[in-house]
Every structure is written in structure tokens, then in C-alpha cells.
C-alpha atoms as a PDB file:
ATOM      1  CA  MET A   1     122.328  63.230  65.100  1.00  0.00           C
ATOM      2  CA  TYR A   2     118.752  64.739  65.617  1.00  0.00           C
ATOM      3  CA  PRO A   3     115.641  62.940  64.226  1.00  0.00           C
ATOM      4  CA  THR A   4     114.657  64.283  60.782  1.00  0.00           C
ATOM      5  CA  ASP A   5     110.894  63.542  61.488  1.00  0.00           C
ATOM      6  CA  LEU A   6     110.848  66.314  64.193  1.00  0.00           C
ATOM      7  CA  ASN A   7     111.001  69.951  64.121  1.00  0.00           C
ATOM      8  CA  TYR A   8     112.878  72.096  66.800  1.00  0.00           C
ATOM      9  CA  THR A   9     112.590  75.374  68.631  1.00  0.00           C
ATOM     10  CA  ARG A  10     115.463  77.609  69.523  1.00  0.00           C
ATOM     11  CA  ASP A  11     114.549  77.079  73.126  1.00  0.00           C
ATOM     12  CA  HIS A  12     115.271  73.339  72.586  1.00  0.00           C
ATOM     13  CA  GLU A  13     111.875  71.625  72.443  1.00  0.00           C
ATOM     14  CA  TRP A  14     111.102  69.173  69.734  1.00  0.00           C
ATOM     15  CA  ILE A  15     107.615  68.713  68.025  1.00  0.00           C
ATOM     16  CA  ARG A  16     106.315  65.992  65.949  1.00  0.00           C
ATOM     17  CA  VAL A  17     103.168  67.001  63.902  1.00  0.00           C
ATOM     18  CA  SER A  18     100.564  64.371  62.703  1.00  0.00           C
ATOM     19  CA  GLY A  19      97.706  66.122  61.079  1.00  0.00           C
ATOM     20  CA  ASP A  20      96.451  68.748  63.615  1.00  0.00           C
ATOM     21  CA  GLU A  21      97.959  67.142  66.654  1.00  0.00           C
ATOM     22  CA  ALA A  22     101.489  67.762  67.932  1.00  0.00           C
ATOM     23  CA  THR A  23     103.604  65.987  70.436  1.00  0.00           C
ATOM     24  CA  VAL A  24     106.124  67.888  72.281  1.00  0.00           C
ATOM     25  CA  GLY A  25     109.326  67.219  74.369  1.00  0.00           C
ATOM     26  CA  ILE A  26     112.801  68.495  74.921  1.00  0.00           C
ATOM     27  CA  THR A  27     115.869  67.720  72.884  1.00  0.00           C
ATOM     28  CA  ASP A  28     118.888  65.657  73.536  1.00  0.00           C
ATOM     29  CA  PHE A  29     120.897  68.904  73.824  1.00  0.00           C
ATOM     30  CA  ALA A  30     118.537  70.259  76.457  1.00  0.00           C
ATOM     31  CA  GLN A  31     118.689  67.205  78.563  1.00  0.00           C
ATOM     32  CA  LYS A  32     122.451  67.209  78.469  1.00  0.00           C
ATOM     33  CA  GLN A  33     122.520  70.758  79.556  1.00  0.00           C
ATOM     34  CA  LEU A  34     120.153  70.139  82.372  1.00  0.00           C
ATOM     35  CA  GLY A  35     121.816  67.011  83.798  1.00  0.00           C
ATOM     36  CA  ASP A  36     119.885  64.645  85.852  1.00  0.00           C
ATOM     37  CA  VAL A  37     116.144  65.490  85.659  1.00  0.00           C
ATOM     38  CA  VAL A  38     114.483  65.186  88.988  1.00  0.00           C
ATOM     39  CA  PHE A  39     111.043  66.940  88.498  1.00  0.00           C
ATOM     40  CA  VAL A  40     108.654  67.871  85.625  1.00  0.00           C
ATOM     41  CA  GLU A  41     105.618  70.099  86.039  1.00  0.00           C
ATOM     42  CA  LEU A  42     103.154  69.942  83.029  1.00  0.00           C
ATOM     43  CA  PRO A  43      99.816  71.810  82.274  1.00  0.00           C
ATOM     44  CA  ASP A  44      96.339  70.689  82.782  1.00  0.00           C
ATOM     45  CA  VAL A  45      94.629  69.122  79.798  1.00  0.00           C
ATOM     46  CA  GLY A  46      92.426  71.669  78.098  1.00  0.00           C
ATOM     47  CA  ARG A  47      94.716  74.566  78.698  1.00  0.00           C
ATOM     48  CA  ALA A  48      95.115  76.930  75.632  1.00  0.00           C
ATOM     49  CA  LEU A  49      98.682  77.910  74.834  1.00  0.00           C
ATOM     50  CA  THR A  50     100.163  80.390  72.515  1.00  0.00           C
ATOM     51  CA  GLN A  51     103.318  79.891  70.639  1.00  0.00           C
ATOM     52  CA  GLY A  52     106.231  80.426  72.933  1.00  0.00           C
ATOM     53  CA  GLU A  53     104.172  80.389  76.022  1.00  0.00           C
ATOM     54  CA  VAL A  54     105.544  78.654  79.162  1.00  0.00           C
ATOM     55  CA  PHE A  55     103.609  75.504  79.665  1.00  0.00           C
ATOM     56  CA  GLY A  56     105.539  74.014  82.417  1.00  0.00           C
ATOM     57  CA  THR A  57     108.880  73.598  84.167  1.00  0.00           C
ATOM     58  CA  ILE A  58     111.706  70.930  84.369  1.00  0.00           C
ATOM     59  CA  GLU A  59     114.072  70.666  87.252  1.00  0.00           C
ATOM     60  CA  SER A  60     117.335  68.953  87.427  1.00  0.00           C
ATOM     61  CA  VAL A  61     119.983  68.756  89.904  1.00  0.00           C
ATOM     62  CA  LYS A  62     121.589  71.664  88.189  1.00  0.00           C
ATOM     63  CA  ALA A  63     118.744  74.115  87.314  1.00  0.00           C
ATOM     64  CA  VAL A  64     115.010  74.668  86.831  1.00  0.00           C
ATOM     65  CA  SER A  65     114.052  75.637  83.288  1.00  0.00           C
ATOM     66  CA  GLU A  66     110.894  76.739  81.655  1.00  0.00           C
ATOM     67  CA  LEU A  67     109.371  74.699  78.842  1.00  0.00           C
ATOM     68  CA  PHE A  68     107.893  76.650  75.886  1.00  0.00           C
ATOM     69  CA  SER A  69     105.062  75.660  73.500  1.00  0.00           C
ATOM     70  CA  PRO A  70     106.377  75.396  69.957  1.00  0.00           C
ATOM     71  CA  LEU A  71     102.889  76.268  68.443  1.00  0.00           C
ATOM     72  CA  ALA A  72      99.604  77.596  69.683  1.00  0.00           C
ATOM     73  CA  GLY A  73      97.029  75.087  70.621  1.00  0.00           C
ATOM     74  CA  GLU A  74      95.009  73.270  73.135  1.00  0.00           C
ATOM     75  CA  VAL A  75      96.683  70.696  75.394  1.00  0.00           C
ATOM     76  CA  THR A  76      94.982  67.303  74.904  1.00  0.00           C
ATOM     77  CA  ALA A  77      97.292  65.010  76.795  1.00  0.00           C
ATOM     78  CA  VAL A  78     100.037  65.198  79.198  1.00  0.00           C
ATOM     79  CA  ASN A  79     102.595  62.421  80.018  1.00  0.00           C
ATOM     80  CA  ALA A  80     101.568  61.470  83.546  1.00  0.00           C
ATOM     81  CA  ASP A  81     104.547  58.897  83.644  1.00  0.00           C
ATOM     82  CA  LEU A  82     106.780  61.779  83.991  1.00  0.00           C
ATOM     83  CA  VAL A  83     105.362  62.789  87.476  1.00  0.00           C
ATOM     84  CA  THR A  84     106.837  59.448  88.859  1.00  0.00           C
ATOM     85  CA  HIS A  85     109.679  58.944  86.309  1.00  0.00           C
ATOM     86  CA  PRO A  86     111.058  62.271  85.297  1.00  0.00           C
ATOM     87  CA  GLU A  87     114.521  60.774  84.580  1.00  0.00           C
ATOM     88  CA  ALA A  88     112.988  59.154  81.400  1.00  0.00           C
ATOM     89  CA  VAL A  89     113.706  62.568  79.793  1.00  0.00           C
ATOM     90  CA  ASN A  90     117.440  61.905  80.136  1.00  0.00           C
ATOM     91  CA  SER A  91     117.538  58.286  78.784  1.00  0.00           C
ATOM     92  CA  GLN A  92     115.276  58.819  75.697  1.00  0.00           C
ATOM     93  CA  PRO A  93     114.731  62.665  75.031  1.00  0.00           C
ATOM     94  CA  HIS A  94     113.453  62.287  71.494  1.00  0.00           C
ATOM     95  CA  ASP A  95     110.831  59.398  72.489  1.00  0.00           C
ATOM     96  CA  THR A  96     109.708  60.864  75.751  1.00  0.00           C
ATOM     97  CA  TRP A  97     106.867  63.247  75.173  1.00  0.00           C
ATOM     98  CA  MET A  98     105.632  65.789  77.656  1.00  0.00           C
ATOM     99  CA  ILE A  99     102.375  67.202  76.065  1.00  0.00           C
ATOM    100  CA  LYS A 100     100.215  66.655  73.042  1.00  0.00           C
ATOM    101  CA  ILE A 101      98.345  69.656  71.638  1.00  0.00           C
ATOM    102  CA  LYS A 102      95.559  70.375  69.049  1.00  0.00           C
ATOM    103  CA  ILE A 103      97.185  72.864  66.693  1.00  0.00           C
ATOM    104  CA  THR A 104      95.246  76.045  66.210  1.00  0.00           C
ATOM    105  CA  SER A 105      97.691  77.624  63.831  1.00  0.00           C
ATOM    106  CA  ALA A 106      99.518  75.466  61.373  1.00  0.00           C
ATOM    107  CA  ASP A 107     101.103  78.679  59.882  1.00  0.00           C
ATOM    108  CA  GLU A 108     103.521  78.843  62.903  1.00  0.00           C
ATOM    109  CA  LEU A 109     105.140  75.697  61.615  1.00  0.00           C
ATOM    110  CA  GLY A 110     107.156  77.702  59.259  1.00  0.00           C
ATOM    111  CA  GLY A 111     109.096  79.221  62.216  1.00  0.00           C
ATOM    112  CA  LEU A 112     110.544  76.009  63.405  1.00  0.00           C
ATOM    113  CA  LEU A 113     113.798  74.543  62.616  1.00  0.00           C
ATOM    114  CA  ASP A 114     114.533  71.329  60.842  1.00  0.00           C
ATOM    115  CA  ALA A 115     117.123  68.868  62.229  1.00  0.00           C
ATOM    116  CA  THR A 116     119.966  70.238  60.240  1.00  0.00           C
ATOM    117  CA  GLN A 117     119.161  73.775  61.217  1.00  0.00           C
ATOM    118  CA  TYR A 118     118.839  72.842  65.001  1.00  0.00           C
ATOM    119  CA  GLU A 119     122.149  70.815  64.881  1.00  0.00           C
ATOM    120  CA  THR A 120     123.920  73.977  63.510  1.00  0.00           C
ATOM    121  CA  LEU A 121     122.226  76.114  66.312  1.00  0.00           C
ATOM    122  CA  THR A 122     123.664  73.754  68.889  1.00  0.00           C
ATOM    123  CA  GLN A 123     127.158  73.415  67.725  1.00  0.00           C
END
């Protein structure tokens, strides 16, 4: 059910790693729990993040939730389309990215879940 080319956090973010860059979004499970997403707040490009640090918030008709960085790194890009179209997270959660980061500690990858582990966590 969950893409195998991604890694996952226990906080329901997904991460796709390519070299020293990572793309981050939220999982299908997370968007279903949230319901209709109406607002996304993302960090500024250049912001340094530590693993597990809050990098933004996502608001739905049900709740406001924090977004957590799966790895330490520097924000290199934010998905500005989410400002005007936050509902994209609901329709394609594993294709709708939120931030891209330049990874500063690849060792942290070992603490992330693979698709099978994440699916087990959410059952």
C-alpha cells in the first residue's frame, strides 16, 4: 500500500532520499486522519533543521498538526503551490512534497521505517 521507494517516520512523514538531498511530505495515513487540508505553513529556505524538529504546521477542518523533519538538514526548497492549493495533500499525499532538505547527517536514515514497517505501525 505504501510506496517502497520512500522511508517513513513514526510521526507520519515520508521522505525520498536522492544523494544528499531529501524530499519530505506526509503519508496517506496522515492525510486521512486529518481530513480536508485547508492550510499548510512551511519554513523559509535556508532554515537549518534537526531530526525531529517541527518545520511547519498543517491545518484541516478537524485539527492543526505539527510537521516534523525526518532528518537533519538545511531547507533548500518549499512547495509554494501548497499555499494556494493545500488540498493537494489529500488527493496525492505521496506525490505532494512539502520541503526539500540538504541532508547533514546520513546516519539518521537508519532510524526511519521502510514501507512494511510503516504499514505495520498504522494497522
